[in-house]
Full PDB file with SEQRES, HELIX, SHEET, SSBOND, CRYST1, ORIGX, SCALE, CONECT and MASTER records, all heavy atoms in Angstrom:
SEQRES   1 A   42  SER GLU GLU TYR GLU GLN MET SER ARG GLU GLN ARG ARG          
SEQRES   2 A   42  ALA ALA ALA LEU ASP GLU LEU ASP GLY LEU ALA ARG LYS          
SEQRES   3 A   42  GLY LEU VAL ARG ARG SER SER ILE ARG THR ASP GLU GLU          
SEQRES   4 A   42  ASN GLY ILE                                                  
HELIX    1 AA1 GLU A    2  GLN A    6  1                                   5    
HELIX    2 AA2 ARG A    9  ARG A   25  1                                  17    
HELIX    3 AA3 ARG A   31  SER A   33  5                                   3    
CRYST1    1.000    1.000    1.000  90.00  90.00  90.00 P 1           1          
ORIGX1      1.000000  0.000000  0.000000        0.00000                         
ORIGX2      0.000000  1.000000  0.000000        0.00000                         
ORIGX3      0.000000  0.000000  1.000000        0.00000                         
SCALE1      1.000000  0.000000  0.000000        0.00000                         
SCALE2      0.000000  1.000000  0.000000        0.00000                         
SCALE3      0.000000  0.000000  1.000000        0.00000                         
ATOM      1  N   SER A   1      13.704   3.485  -1.528  1.00  0.00           N  
ATOM      2  CA  SER A   1      13.851   2.262  -2.302  1.00  0.00           C  
ATOM      3  C   SER A   1      13.418   2.462  -3.746  1.00  0.00           C  
ATOM      4  O   SER A   1      12.631   3.278  -4.107  1.00  0.00           O  
ATOM      5  CB  SER A   1      13.050   1.166  -1.665  1.00  0.00           C  
ATOM      6  OG  SER A   1      11.609   1.426  -1.780  1.00  0.00           O  
ATOM      7  N   GLU A   2      14.045   1.667  -4.602  1.00  0.00           N  
ATOM      8  CA  GLU A   2      13.665   1.652  -6.036  1.00  0.00           C  
ATOM      9  C   GLU A   2      12.198   1.207  -6.228  1.00  0.00           C  
ATOM     10  O   GLU A   2      11.537   1.677  -7.119  1.00  0.00           O  
ATOM     11  CB  GLU A   2      14.573   0.765  -6.806  1.00  0.00           C  
ATOM     12  CG  GLU A   2      16.044   1.229  -6.966  1.00  0.00           C  
ATOM     13  CD  GLU A   2      16.864   0.410  -7.826  1.00  0.00           C  
ATOM     14  OE1 GLU A   2      16.322  -0.483  -8.502  1.00  0.00           O  
ATOM     15  OE2 GLU A   2      18.123   0.631  -7.776  1.00  0.00           O  
ATOM     16  N   GLU A   3      11.721   0.308  -5.346  1.00  0.00           N  
ATOM     17  CA  GLU A   3      10.391  -0.199  -5.493  1.00  0.00           C  
ATOM     18  C   GLU A   3       9.394   0.931  -5.237  1.00  0.00           C  
ATOM     19  O   GLU A   3       8.438   1.103  -5.942  1.00  0.00           O  
ATOM     20  CB  GLU A   3      10.143  -1.337  -4.465  1.00  0.00           C  
ATOM     21  CG  GLU A   3      10.862  -2.622  -4.781  1.00  0.00           C  
ATOM     22  CD  GLU A   3      12.332  -2.535  -4.236  1.00  0.00           C  
ATOM     23  OE1 GLU A   3      12.745  -1.538  -3.642  1.00  0.00           O  
ATOM     24  OE2 GLU A   3      13.043  -3.499  -4.447  1.00  0.00           O  
ATOM     25  N   TYR A   4       9.683   1.753  -4.198  1.00  0.00           N  
ATOM     26  CA  TYR A   4       8.809   2.923  -3.923  1.00  0.00           C  
ATOM     27  C   TYR A   4       8.859   3.902  -5.030  1.00  0.00           C  
ATOM     28  O   TYR A   4       7.782   4.472  -5.368  1.00  0.00           O  
ATOM     29  CB  TYR A   4       9.288   3.608  -2.628  1.00  0.00           C  
ATOM     30  CG  TYR A   4       8.276   4.574  -2.002  1.00  0.00           C  
ATOM     31  CD1 TYR A   4       7.192   4.115  -1.287  1.00  0.00           C  
ATOM     32  CD2 TYR A   4       8.521   5.930  -2.092  1.00  0.00           C  
ATOM     33  CE1 TYR A   4       6.313   5.037  -0.735  1.00  0.00           C  
ATOM     34  CE2 TYR A   4       7.599   6.838  -1.570  1.00  0.00           C  
ATOM     35  CZ  TYR A   4       6.529   6.384  -0.829  1.00  0.00           C  
ATOM     36  OH  TYR A   4       5.677   7.280  -0.304  1.00  0.00           O  
ATOM     37  N   GLU A   5      10.000   4.072  -5.657  1.00  0.00           N  
ATOM     38  CA  GLU A   5      10.092   5.002  -6.776  1.00  0.00           C  
ATOM     39  C   GLU A   5       9.221   4.629  -7.901  1.00  0.00           C  
ATOM     40  O   GLU A   5       8.685   5.455  -8.619  1.00  0.00           O  
ATOM     41  CB  GLU A   5      11.566   5.130  -7.212  1.00  0.00           C  
ATOM     42  CG  GLU A   5      11.883   6.102  -8.319  1.00  0.00           C  
ATOM     43  CD  GLU A   5      11.769   7.526  -7.767  1.00  0.00           C  
ATOM     44  OE1 GLU A   5      11.922   7.784  -6.564  1.00  0.00           O  
ATOM     45  OE2 GLU A   5      11.521   8.416  -8.647  1.00  0.00           O  
ATOM     46  N   GLN A   6       9.067   3.314  -8.170  1.00  0.00           N  
ATOM     47  CA  GLN A   6       8.301   2.838  -9.271  1.00  0.00           C  
ATOM     48  C   GLN A   6       6.827   2.705  -8.985  1.00  0.00           C  
ATOM     49  O   GLN A   6       6.055   2.461  -9.861  1.00  0.00           O  
ATOM     50  CB  GLN A   6       8.842   1.447  -9.691  1.00  0.00           C  
ATOM     51  CG  GLN A   6      10.311   1.485 -10.124  1.00  0.00           C  
ATOM     52  CD  GLN A   6      10.585   2.390 -11.238  1.00  0.00           C  
ATOM     53  OE1 GLN A   6       9.814   2.493 -12.228  1.00  0.00           O  
ATOM     54  NE2 GLN A   6      11.678   3.174 -11.186  1.00  0.00           N  
ATOM     55  N   MET A   7       6.385   2.896  -7.731  1.00  0.00           N  
ATOM     56  CA  MET A   7       4.976   2.640  -7.334  1.00  0.00           C  
ATOM     57  C   MET A   7       4.189   3.821  -7.832  1.00  0.00           C  
ATOM     58  O   MET A   7       4.615   4.966  -7.987  1.00  0.00           O  
ATOM     59  CB  MET A   7       4.864   2.628  -5.821  1.00  0.00           C  
ATOM     60  CG  MET A   7       5.384   1.341  -5.165  1.00  0.00           C  
ATOM     61  SD  MET A   7       5.159   1.411  -3.362  1.00  0.00           S  
ATOM     62  CE  MET A   7       5.975  -0.108  -2.831  1.00  0.00           C  
ATOM     63  N   SER A   8       2.868   3.522  -8.025  1.00  0.00           N  
ATOM     64  CA  SER A   8       1.909   4.534  -8.280  1.00  0.00           C  
ATOM     65  C   SER A   8       1.604   5.281  -7.052  1.00  0.00           C  
ATOM     66  O   SER A   8       1.926   4.885  -5.887  1.00  0.00           O  
ATOM     67  CB  SER A   8       0.594   3.937  -8.835  1.00  0.00           C  
ATOM     68  OG  SER A   8      -0.054   3.117  -7.851  1.00  0.00           O  
ATOM     69  N   ARG A   9       0.899   6.358  -7.193  1.00  0.00           N  
ATOM     70  CA  ARG A   9       0.508   7.182  -6.013  1.00  0.00           C  
ATOM     71  C   ARG A   9      -0.262   6.382  -4.974  1.00  0.00           C  
ATOM     72  O   ARG A   9      -0.002   6.452  -3.779  1.00  0.00           O  
ATOM     73  CB  ARG A   9      -0.305   8.415  -6.482  1.00  0.00           C  
ATOM     74  CG  ARG A   9      -0.507   9.494  -5.409  1.00  0.00           C  
ATOM     75  CD  ARG A   9      -1.205  10.674  -6.122  1.00  0.00           C  
ATOM     76  NE  ARG A   9      -1.238  11.841  -5.265  1.00  0.00           N  
ATOM     77  CZ  ARG A   9      -2.206  12.135  -4.357  1.00  0.00           C  
ATOM     78  NH1 ARG A   9      -3.165  11.239  -4.199  1.00  0.00           N  
ATOM     79  NH2 ARG A   9      -2.122  13.206  -3.702  1.00  0.00           N  
ATOM     80  N   GLU A  10      -1.219   5.607  -5.480  1.00  0.00           N  
ATOM     81  CA  GLU A  10      -2.012   4.736  -4.585  1.00  0.00           C  
ATOM     82  C   GLU A  10      -1.200   3.708  -3.844  1.00  0.00           C  
ATOM     83  O   GLU A  10      -1.453   3.434  -2.759  1.00  0.00           O  
ATOM     84  CB  GLU A  10      -3.196   4.145  -5.375  1.00  0.00           C  
ATOM     85  CG  GLU A  10      -4.221   5.128  -5.913  1.00  0.00           C  
ATOM     86  CD  GLU A  10      -3.743   5.965  -7.060  1.00  0.00           C  
ATOM     87  OE1 GLU A  10      -2.723   5.600  -7.679  1.00  0.00           O  
ATOM     88  OE2 GLU A  10      -4.299   7.041  -7.262  1.00  0.00           O  
ATOM     89  N   GLN A  11      -0.276   3.106  -4.629  1.00  0.00           N  
ATOM     90  CA  GLN A  11       0.571   2.083  -4.096  1.00  0.00           C  
ATOM     91  C   GLN A  11       1.467   2.683  -2.961  1.00  0.00           C  
ATOM     92  O   GLN A  11       1.715   2.066  -1.932  1.00  0.00           O  
ATOM     93  CB  GLN A  11       1.339   1.384  -5.079  1.00  0.00           C  
ATOM     94  CG  GLN A  11       0.598   0.476  -6.000  1.00  0.00           C  
ATOM     95  CD  GLN A  11       1.402   0.030  -7.202  1.00  0.00           C  
ATOM     96  OE1 GLN A  11       2.318   0.715  -7.717  1.00  0.00           O  
ATOM     97  NE2 GLN A  11       1.079  -1.174  -7.729  1.00  0.00           N  
ATOM     98  N   ARG A  12       1.987   3.957  -3.231  1.00  0.00           N  
ATOM     99  CA  ARG A  12       2.808   4.540  -2.198  1.00  0.00           C  
ATOM    100  C   ARG A  12       2.020   4.803  -0.964  1.00  0.00           C  
ATOM    101  O   ARG A  12       2.541   4.603   0.143  1.00  0.00           O  
ATOM    102  CB  ARG A  12       3.344   5.895  -2.781  1.00  0.00           C  
ATOM    103  CG  ARG A  12       4.430   5.747  -3.838  1.00  0.00           C  
ATOM    104  CD  ARG A  12       4.969   7.018  -4.194  1.00  0.00           C  
ATOM    105  NE  ARG A  12       6.030   7.019  -5.107  1.00  0.00           N  
ATOM    106  CZ  ARG A  12       6.948   7.932  -5.397  1.00  0.00           C  
ATOM    107  NH1 ARG A  12       6.870   9.089  -4.741  1.00  0.00           N  
ATOM    108  NH2 ARG A  12       7.980   7.728  -6.245  1.00  0.00           N  
ATOM    109  N   ARG A  13       0.837   5.326  -1.092  1.00  0.00           N  
ATOM    110  CA  ARG A  13      -0.036   5.636   0.070  1.00  0.00           C  
ATOM    111  C   ARG A  13      -0.227   4.374   0.910  1.00  0.00           C  
ATOM    112  O   ARG A  13      -0.105   4.349   2.131  1.00  0.00           O  
ATOM    113  CB  ARG A  13      -1.318   6.239  -0.353  1.00  0.00           C  
ATOM    114  CG  ARG A  13      -2.284   6.574   0.859  1.00  0.00           C  
ATOM    115  CD  ARG A  13      -3.622   6.951   0.304  1.00  0.00           C  
ATOM    116  NE  ARG A  13      -4.299   5.909  -0.432  1.00  0.00           N  
ATOM    117  CZ  ARG A  13      -4.790   6.090  -1.613  1.00  0.00           C  
ATOM    118  NH1 ARG A  13      -4.768   7.277  -2.201  1.00  0.00           N  
ATOM    119  NH2 ARG A  13      -5.410   5.052  -2.296  1.00  0.00           N  
ATOM    120  N   ALA A  14      -0.532   3.232   0.233  1.00  0.00           N  
ATOM    121  CA  ALA A  14      -0.786   1.975   0.931  1.00  0.00           C  
ATOM    122  C   ALA A  14       0.399   1.470   1.615  1.00  0.00           C  
ATOM    123  O   ALA A  14       0.397   0.991   2.733  1.00  0.00           O  
ATOM    124  CB  ALA A  14      -1.291   0.946  -0.074  1.00  0.00           C  
ATOM    125  N   ALA A  15       1.596   1.607   0.928  1.00  0.00           N  
ATOM    126  CA  ALA A  15       2.831   1.185   1.527  1.00  0.00           C  
ATOM    127  C   ALA A  15       3.195   2.028   2.756  1.00  0.00           C  
ATOM    128  O   ALA A  15       3.716   1.521   3.731  1.00  0.00           O  
ATOM    129  CB  ALA A  15       3.928   1.266   0.494  1.00  0.00           C  
ATOM    130  N   ALA A  16       2.960   3.311   2.628  1.00  0.00           N  
ATOM    131  CA  ALA A  16       3.209   4.218   3.773  1.00  0.00           C  
ATOM    132  C   ALA A  16       2.364   3.875   5.044  1.00  0.00           C  
ATOM    133  O   ALA A  16       2.840   3.795   6.142  1.00  0.00           O  
ATOM    134  CB  ALA A  16       2.982   5.662   3.446  1.00  0.00           C  
ATOM    135  N   LEU A  17       1.075   3.634   4.733  1.00  0.00           N  
ATOM    136  CA  LEU A  17       0.140   3.215   5.890  1.00  0.00           C  
ATOM    137  C   LEU A  17       0.556   1.913   6.459  1.00  0.00           C  
ATOM    138  O   LEU A  17       0.513   1.676   7.690  1.00  0.00           O  
ATOM    139  CB  LEU A  17      -1.309   3.212   5.329  1.00  0.00           C  
ATOM    140  CG  LEU A  17      -1.880   4.616   5.011  1.00  0.00           C  
ATOM    141  CD1 LEU A  17      -3.222   4.408   4.283  1.00  0.00           C  
ATOM    142  CD2 LEU A  17      -2.100   5.394   6.330  1.00  0.00           C  
ATOM    143  N   ASP A  18       0.957   0.954   5.604  1.00  0.00           N  
ATOM    144  CA  ASP A  18       1.327  -0.317   6.122  1.00  0.00           C  
ATOM    145  C   ASP A  18       2.633  -0.242   6.988  1.00  0.00           C  
ATOM    146  O   ASP A  18       2.763  -0.775   8.011  1.00  0.00           O  
ATOM    147  CB  ASP A  18       1.656  -1.231   4.967  1.00  0.00           C  
ATOM    148  CG  ASP A  18       2.020  -2.659   5.399  1.00  0.00           C  
ATOM    149  OD1 ASP A  18       1.124  -3.283   6.026  1.00  0.00           O  
ATOM    150  OD2 ASP A  18       3.124  -3.145   5.128  1.00  0.00           O  
ATOM    151  N   GLU A  19       3.575   0.627   6.558  1.00  0.00           N  
ATOM    152  CA  GLU A  19       4.814   0.828   7.342  1.00  0.00           C  
ATOM    153  C   GLU A  19       4.477   1.468   8.673  1.00  0.00           C  
ATOM    154  O   GLU A  19       5.062   1.088   9.754  1.00  0.00           O  
ATOM    155  CB  GLU A  19       5.822   1.773   6.523  1.00  0.00           C  
ATOM    156  CG  GLU A  19       7.160   1.893   7.176  1.00  0.00           C  
ATOM    157  CD  GLU A  19       7.889   0.620   7.189  1.00  0.00           C  
ATOM    158  OE1 GLU A  19       8.044  -0.080   6.134  1.00  0.00           O  
ATOM    159  OE2 GLU A  19       8.380   0.187   8.336  1.00  0.00           O  
ATOM    160  N   LEU A  20       3.640   2.453   8.664  1.00  0.00           N  
ATOM    161  CA  LEU A  20       3.294   3.149   9.995  1.00  0.00           C  
ATOM    162  C   LEU A  20       2.520   2.240  10.874  1.00  0.00           C  
ATOM    163  O   LEU A  20       2.600   2.283  12.067  1.00  0.00           O  
ATOM    164  CB  LEU A  20       2.447   4.446   9.630  1.00  0.00           C  
ATOM    165  CG  LEU A  20       3.324   5.574   8.983  1.00  0.00           C  
ATOM    166  CD1 LEU A  20       2.337   6.690   8.624  1.00  0.00           C  
ATOM    167  CD2 LEU A  20       4.417   6.036   9.942  1.00  0.00           C  
ATOM    168  N   ASP A  21       1.714   1.302  10.306  1.00  0.00           N  
ATOM    169  CA  ASP A  21       0.996   0.359  11.159  1.00  0.00           C  
ATOM    170  C   ASP A  21       1.982  -0.546  11.874  1.00  0.00           C  
ATOM    171  O   ASP A  21       1.807  -0.786  13.041  1.00  0.00           O  
ATOM    172  CB  ASP A  21       0.101  -0.530  10.268  1.00  0.00           C  
ATOM    173  CG  ASP A  21      -0.737  -1.533  11.030  1.00  0.00           C  
ATOM    174  OD1 ASP A  21      -1.563  -1.098  11.841  1.00  0.00           O  
ATOM    175  OD2 ASP A  21      -0.415  -2.761  10.883  1.00  0.00           O  
ATOM    176  N   GLY A  22       3.067  -0.919  11.198  1.00  0.00           N  
ATOM    177  CA  GLY A  22       4.053  -1.767  11.856  1.00  0.00           C  
ATOM    178  C   GLY A  22       4.837  -0.948  12.895  1.00  0.00           C  
ATOM    179  O   GLY A  22       5.141  -1.475  14.014  1.00  0.00           O  
ATOM    180  N   LEU A  23       5.126   0.295  12.662  1.00  0.00           N  
ATOM    181  CA  LEU A  23       5.808   1.175  13.714  1.00  0.00           C  
ATOM    182  C   LEU A  23       4.865   1.392  14.813  1.00  0.00           C  
ATOM    183  O   LEU A  23       5.391   1.522  15.984  1.00  0.00           O  
ATOM    184  CB  LEU A  23       6.184   2.460  13.003  1.00  0.00           C  
ATOM    185  CG  LEU A  23       7.301   2.373  11.891  1.00  0.00           C  
ATOM    186  CD1 LEU A  23       7.502   3.727  11.315  1.00  0.00           C  
ATOM    187  CD2 LEU A  23       8.573   1.790  12.422  1.00  0.00           C  
ATOM    188  N   ALA A  24       3.553   1.506  14.627  1.00  0.00           N  
ATOM    189  CA  ALA A  24       2.660   1.705  15.779  1.00  0.00           C  
ATOM    190  C   ALA A  24       2.597   0.434  16.660  1.00  0.00           C  
ATOM    191  O   ALA A  24       2.593   0.564  17.892  1.00  0.00           O  
ATOM    192  CB  ALA A  24       1.268   2.014  15.203  1.00  0.00           C  
ATOM    193  N   ARG A  25       2.691  -0.759  15.955  1.00  0.00           N  
ATOM    194  CA  ARG A  25       2.714  -1.999  16.768  1.00  0.00           C  
ATOM    195  C   ARG A  25       3.925  -2.032  17.678  1.00  0.00           C  
ATOM    196  O   ARG A  25       3.923  -2.645  18.743  1.00  0.00           O  
ATOM    197  CB  ARG A  25       2.645  -3.216  15.853  1.00  0.00           C  
ATOM    198  CG  ARG A  25       1.266  -3.411  15.221  1.00  0.00           C  
ATOM    199  CD  ARG A  25       1.086  -4.804  14.746  1.00  0.00           C  
ATOM    200  NE  ARG A  25       2.114  -5.124  13.682  1.00  0.00           N  
ATOM    201  CZ  ARG A  25       1.947  -4.895  12.419  1.00  0.00           C  
ATOM    202  NH1 ARG A  25       0.827  -4.388  11.963  1.00  0.00           N  
ATOM    203  NH2 ARG A  25       2.917  -5.202  11.493  1.00  0.00           N  
ATOM    204  N   LYS A  26       5.036  -1.424  17.221  1.00  0.00           N  
ATOM    205  CA  LYS A  26       6.313  -1.435  18.005  1.00  0.00           C  
ATOM    206  C   LYS A  26       6.355  -0.304  19.001  1.00  0.00           C  
ATOM    207  O   LYS A  26       7.310  -0.217  19.794  1.00  0.00           O  
ATOM    208  CB  LYS A  26       7.480  -1.350  17.040  1.00  0.00           C  
ATOM    209  CG  LYS A  26       7.646  -2.473  16.076  1.00  0.00           C  
ATOM    210  CD  LYS A  26       8.806  -2.192  15.102  1.00  0.00           C  
ATOM    211  CE  LYS A  26       8.991  -3.361  14.138  1.00  0.00           C  
ATOM    212  NZ  LYS A  26      10.119  -3.049  13.227  1.00  0.00           N  
ATOM    213  N   GLY A  27       5.347   0.540  19.014  1.00  0.00           N  
ATOM    214  CA  GLY A  27       5.308   1.583  20.005  1.00  0.00           C  
ATOM    215  C   GLY A  27       6.087   2.788  19.594  1.00  0.00           C  
ATOM    216  O   GLY A  27       6.345   3.691  20.478  1.00  0.00           O  
ATOM    217  N   LEU A  28       6.522   2.883  18.352  1.00  0.00           N  
ATOM    218  CA  LEU A  28       7.413   4.022  17.878  1.00  0.00           C  
ATOM    219  C   LEU A  28       6.524   5.132  17.368  1.00  0.00           C  
ATOM    220  O   LEU A  28       7.004   6.342  17.228  1.00  0.00           O  
ATOM    221  CB  LEU A  28       8.356   3.504  16.787  1.00  0.00           C  
ATOM    222  CG  LEU A  28       9.309   2.362  17.176  1.00  0.00           C  
ATOM    223  CD1 LEU A  28      10.190   1.929  16.004  1.00  0.00           C  
ATOM    224  CD2 LEU A  28      10.195   2.804  18.385  1.00  0.00           C  
ATOM    225  N   VAL A  29       5.286   4.891  16.959  1.00  0.00           N  
ATOM    226  CA  VAL A  29       4.377   5.896  16.410  1.00  0.00           C  
ATOM    227  C   VAL A  29       3.044   5.774  17.114  1.00  0.00           C  
ATOM    228  O   VAL A  29       2.632   4.643  17.349  1.00  0.00           O  
ATOM    229  CB  VAL A  29       4.283   5.625  14.919  1.00  0.00           C  
ATOM    230  CG1 VAL A  29       3.083   6.436  14.306  1.00  0.00           C  
ATOM    231  CG2 VAL A  29       5.510   6.107  14.147  1.00  0.00           C  
ATOM    232  N   ARG A  30       2.439   6.896  17.404  1.00  0.00           N  
ATOM    233  CA  ARG A  30       1.059   6.798  17.979  1.00  0.00           C  
ATOM    234  C   ARG A  30      -0.003   6.410  16.908  1.00  0.00           C  
ATOM    235  O   ARG A  30      -0.127   7.192  15.927  1.00  0.00           O  
ATOM    236  CB  ARG A  30       0.685   8.145  18.559  1.00  0.00           C  
ATOM    237  CG  ARG A  30       1.621   8.608  19.697  1.00  0.00           C  
ATOM    238  CD  ARG A  30       1.136  10.001  20.174  1.00  0.00           C  
ATOM    239  NE  ARG A  30       2.102  10.613  21.131  1.00  0.00           N  
ATOM    240  CZ  ARG A  30       2.108  11.827  21.538  1.00  0.00           C  
ATOM    241  NH1 ARG A  30       1.119  12.611  21.022  1.00  0.00           N  
ATOM    242  NH2 ARG A  30       2.923  12.271  22.381  1.00  0.00           N  
ATOM    243  N   ARG A  31      -0.650   5.378  17.122  1.00  0.00           N  
ATOM    244  CA  ARG A  31      -1.573   4.883  16.117  1.00  0.00           C  
ATOM    245  C   ARG A  31      -2.674   5.918  15.836  1.00  0.00           C  
ATOM    246  O   ARG A  31      -3.100   6.127  14.681  1.00  0.00           O  
ATOM    247  CB  ARG A  31      -2.190   3.530  16.530  1.00  0.00           C  
ATOM    248  CG  ARG A  31      -3.146   2.905  15.520  1.00  0.00           C  
ATOM    249  CD  ARG A  31      -3.641   1.573  15.919  1.00  0.00           C  
ATOM    250  NE  ARG A  31      -2.551   0.596  16.177  1.00  0.00           N  
ATOM    251  CZ  ARG A  31      -1.987  -0.010  15.199  1.00  0.00           C  
ATOM    252  NH1 ARG A  31      -2.367   0.163  13.914  1.00  0.00           N  
ATOM    253  NH2 ARG A  31      -1.020  -0.916  15.426  1.00  0.00           N  
ATOM    254  N   SER A  32      -3.163   6.551  16.851  1.00  0.00           N  
ATOM    255  CA  SER A  32      -4.271   7.493  16.738  1.00  0.00           C  
ATOM    256  C   SER A  32      -3.885   8.737  15.981  1.00  0.00           C  
ATOM    257  O   SER A  32      -4.774   9.521  15.525  1.00  0.00           O  
ATOM    258  CB  SER A  32      -4.787   7.890  18.088  1.00  0.00           C  
ATOM    259  OG  SER A  32      -3.836   8.568  18.889  1.00  0.00           O  
ATOM    260  N   SER A  33      -2.620   9.009  15.778  1.00  0.00           N  
ATOM    261  CA  SER A  33      -2.202  10.217  15.101  1.00  0.00           C  
ATOM    262  C   SER A  33      -2.050  10.025  13.623  1.00  0.00           C  
ATOM    263  O   SER A  33      -1.901  10.993  12.830  1.00  0.00           O  
ATOM    264  CB  SER A  33      -0.816  10.639  15.627  1.00  0.00           C  
ATOM    265  OG  SER A  33       0.210   9.746  15.249  1.00  0.00           O  
ATOM    266  N   ILE A  34      -2.094   8.776  13.058  1.00  0.00           N  
ATOM    267  CA  ILE A  34      -1.843   8.540  11.708  1.00  0.00           C  
ATOM    268  C   ILE A  34      -3.016   9.117  10.852  1.00  0.00           C  
ATOM    269  O   ILE A  34      -4.148   8.761  11.128  1.00  0.00           O  
ATOM    270  CB  ILE A  34      -1.709   6.973  11.395  1.00  0.00           C  
ATOM    271  CG1 ILE A  34      -0.455   6.480  12.154  1.00  0.00           C  
ATOM    272  CG2 ILE A  34      -1.509   6.745   9.895  1.00  0.00           C  
ATOM    273  CD1 ILE A  34      -0.362   4.956  12.100  1.00  0.00           C  
ATOM    274  N   ARG A  35      -2.706   9.943   9.928  1.00  0.00           N  
ATOM    275  CA  ARG A  35      -3.736  10.710   9.177  1.00  0.00           C  
ATOM    276  C   ARG A  35      -3.345  10.811   7.708  1.00  0.00           C  
ATOM    277  O   ARG A  35      -2.248  11.269   7.372  1.00  0.00           O  
ATOM    278  CB  ARG A  35      -3.980  12.102   9.736  1.00  0.00           C  
ATOM    279  CG  ARG A  35      -5.065  12.851   9.192  1.00  0.00           C  
ATOM    280  CD  ARG A  35      -5.197  14.299   9.779  1.00  0.00           C  
ATOM    281  NE  ARG A  35      -6.434  14.925   9.432  1.00  0.00           N  
ATOM    282  CZ  ARG A  35      -6.639  15.458   8.256  1.00  0.00           C  
ATOM    283  NH1 ARG A  35      -5.758  15.463   7.329  1.00  0.00           N  
ATOM    284  NH2 ARG A  35      -7.800  16.015   8.052  1.00  0.00           N  
ATOM    285  N   THR A  36      -4.218  10.442   6.827  1.00  0.00           N  
ATOM    286  CA  THR A  36      -3.970  10.543   5.376  1.00  0.00           C  
ATOM    287  C   THR A  36      -4.582  11.798   4.805  1.00  0.00           C  
ATOM    288  O   THR A  36      -5.708  12.030   4.955  1.00  0.00           O  
ATOM    289  CB  THR A  36      -4.530   9.349   4.655  1.00  0.00           C  
ATOM    290  OG1 THR A  36      -3.996   8.120   5.153  1.00  0.00           O  
ATOM    291  CG2 THR A  36      -4.285   9.400   3.140  1.00  0.00           C  
ATOM    292  N   ASP A  37      -3.723  12.647   4.167  1.00  0.00           N  
ATOM    293  CA  ASP A  37      -4.134  13.807   3.588  1.00  0.00           C  
ATOM    294  C   ASP A  37      -4.001  13.561   2.023  1.00  0.00           C  
ATOM    295  O   ASP A  37      -2.961  13.784   1.449  1.00  0.00           O  
ATOM    296  CB  ASP A  37      -3.262  14.999   3.969  1.00  0.00           C  
ATOM    297  CG  ASP A  37      -3.692  16.347   3.328  1.00  0.00           C  
ATOM    298  OD1 ASP A  37      -4.561  16.327   2.441  1.00  0.00           O  
ATOM    299  OD2 ASP A  37      -3.200  17.340   3.764  1.00  0.00           O  
ATOM    300  N   GLU A  38      -5.147  13.147   1.434  1.00  0.00           N  
ATOM    301  CA  GLU A  38      -5.111  12.751   0.025  1.00  0.00           C  
ATOM    302  C   GLU A  38      -4.861  13.909  -0.858  1.00  0.00           C  
ATOM    303  O   GLU A  38      -4.033  13.801  -1.862  1.00  0.00           O  
ATOM    304  CB  GLU A  38      -6.453  12.083  -0.352  1.00  0.00           C  
ATOM    305  CG  GLU A  38      -6.516  11.546  -1.713  1.00  0.00           C  
ATOM    306  CD  GLU A  38      -5.650  10.284  -1.879  1.00  0.00           C  
ATOM    307  OE1 GLU A  38      -5.557   9.522  -0.895  1.00  0.00           O  
ATOM    308  OE2 GLU A  38      -5.051  10.120  -2.962  1.00  0.00           O  
ATOM    309  N   GLU A  39      -5.345  15.074  -0.586  1.00  0.00           N  
ATOM    310  CA  GLU A  39      -5.211  16.220  -1.438  1.00  0.00           C  
ATOM    311  C   GLU A  39      -3.774  16.613  -1.505  1.00  0.00           C  
ATOM    312  O   GLU A  39      -3.289  17.051  -2.635  1.00  0.00           O  
ATOM    313  CB  GLU A  39      -6.051  17.362  -0.903  1.00  0.00           C  
ATOM    314  CG  GLU A  39      -5.974  18.629  -1.740  1.00  0.00           C  
ATOM    315  CD  GLU A  39      -6.838  19.719  -1.213  1.00  0.00           C  
ATOM    316  OE1 GLU A  39      -7.572  19.522  -0.170  1.00  0.00           O  
ATOM    317  OE2 GLU A  39      -6.847  20.831  -1.842  1.00  0.00           O  
ATOM    318  N   ASN A  40      -3.052  16.646  -0.443  1.00  0.00           N  
ATOM    319  CA  ASN A  40      -1.655  17.062  -0.394  1.00  0.00           C  
ATOM    320  C   ASN A  40      -0.637  15.926  -0.496  1.00  0.00           C  
ATOM    321  O   ASN A  40       0.584  16.151  -0.509  1.00  0.00           O  
ATOM    322  CB  ASN A  40      -1.373  17.930   0.871  1.00  0.00           C  
ATOM    323  CG  ASN A  40      -2.158  19.193   0.864  1.00  0.00           C  
ATOM    324  OD1 ASN A  40      -1.943  20.065   0.011  1.00  0.00           O  
ATOM    325  ND2 ASN A  40      -3.132  19.305   1.734  1.00  0.00           N  
ATOM    326  N   GLY A  41      -1.103  14.702  -0.551  1.00  0.00           N  
ATOM    327  CA  GLY A  41      -0.185  13.571  -0.767  1.00  0.00           C  
ATOM    328  C   GLY A  41       0.685  13.262   0.370  1.00  0.00           C  
ATOM    329  O   GLY A  41       1.852  12.882   0.206  1.00  0.00           O  
ATOM    330  N   ILE A  42       0.251  13.419   1.570  1.00  0.00           N  
ATOM    331  CA  ILE A  42       0.993  13.107   2.807  1.00  0.00           C  
ATOM    332  C   ILE A  42       0.258  12.302   3.787  1.00  0.00           C  
ATOM    333  O   ILE A  42      -0.935  12.502   3.982  1.00  0.00           O  
ATOM    334  CB  ILE A  42       1.395  14.493   3.482  1.00  0.00           C  
ATOM    335  CG1 ILE A  42       2.218  15.389   2.584  1.00  0.00           C  
ATOM    336  CG2 ILE A  42       2.035  14.285   4.811  1.00  0.00           C  
ATOM    337  CD1 ILE A  42       2.497  16.730   3.088  1.00  0.00           C  
TER     338      ILE A  42                                                      
MASTER        0    0    0    3    0    0    0    6  337    1    0    4          
END                                                                             
């Protein structure tokens, strides 16, 4: 999305975590596996 393109690094990280939280609630992603690697930006 254009919005993601314009976000800062911190905003992108927050948006990614929020998206994965929603996917975990739907059972598409394992909540316990979500891991933020700040150094490598993933």
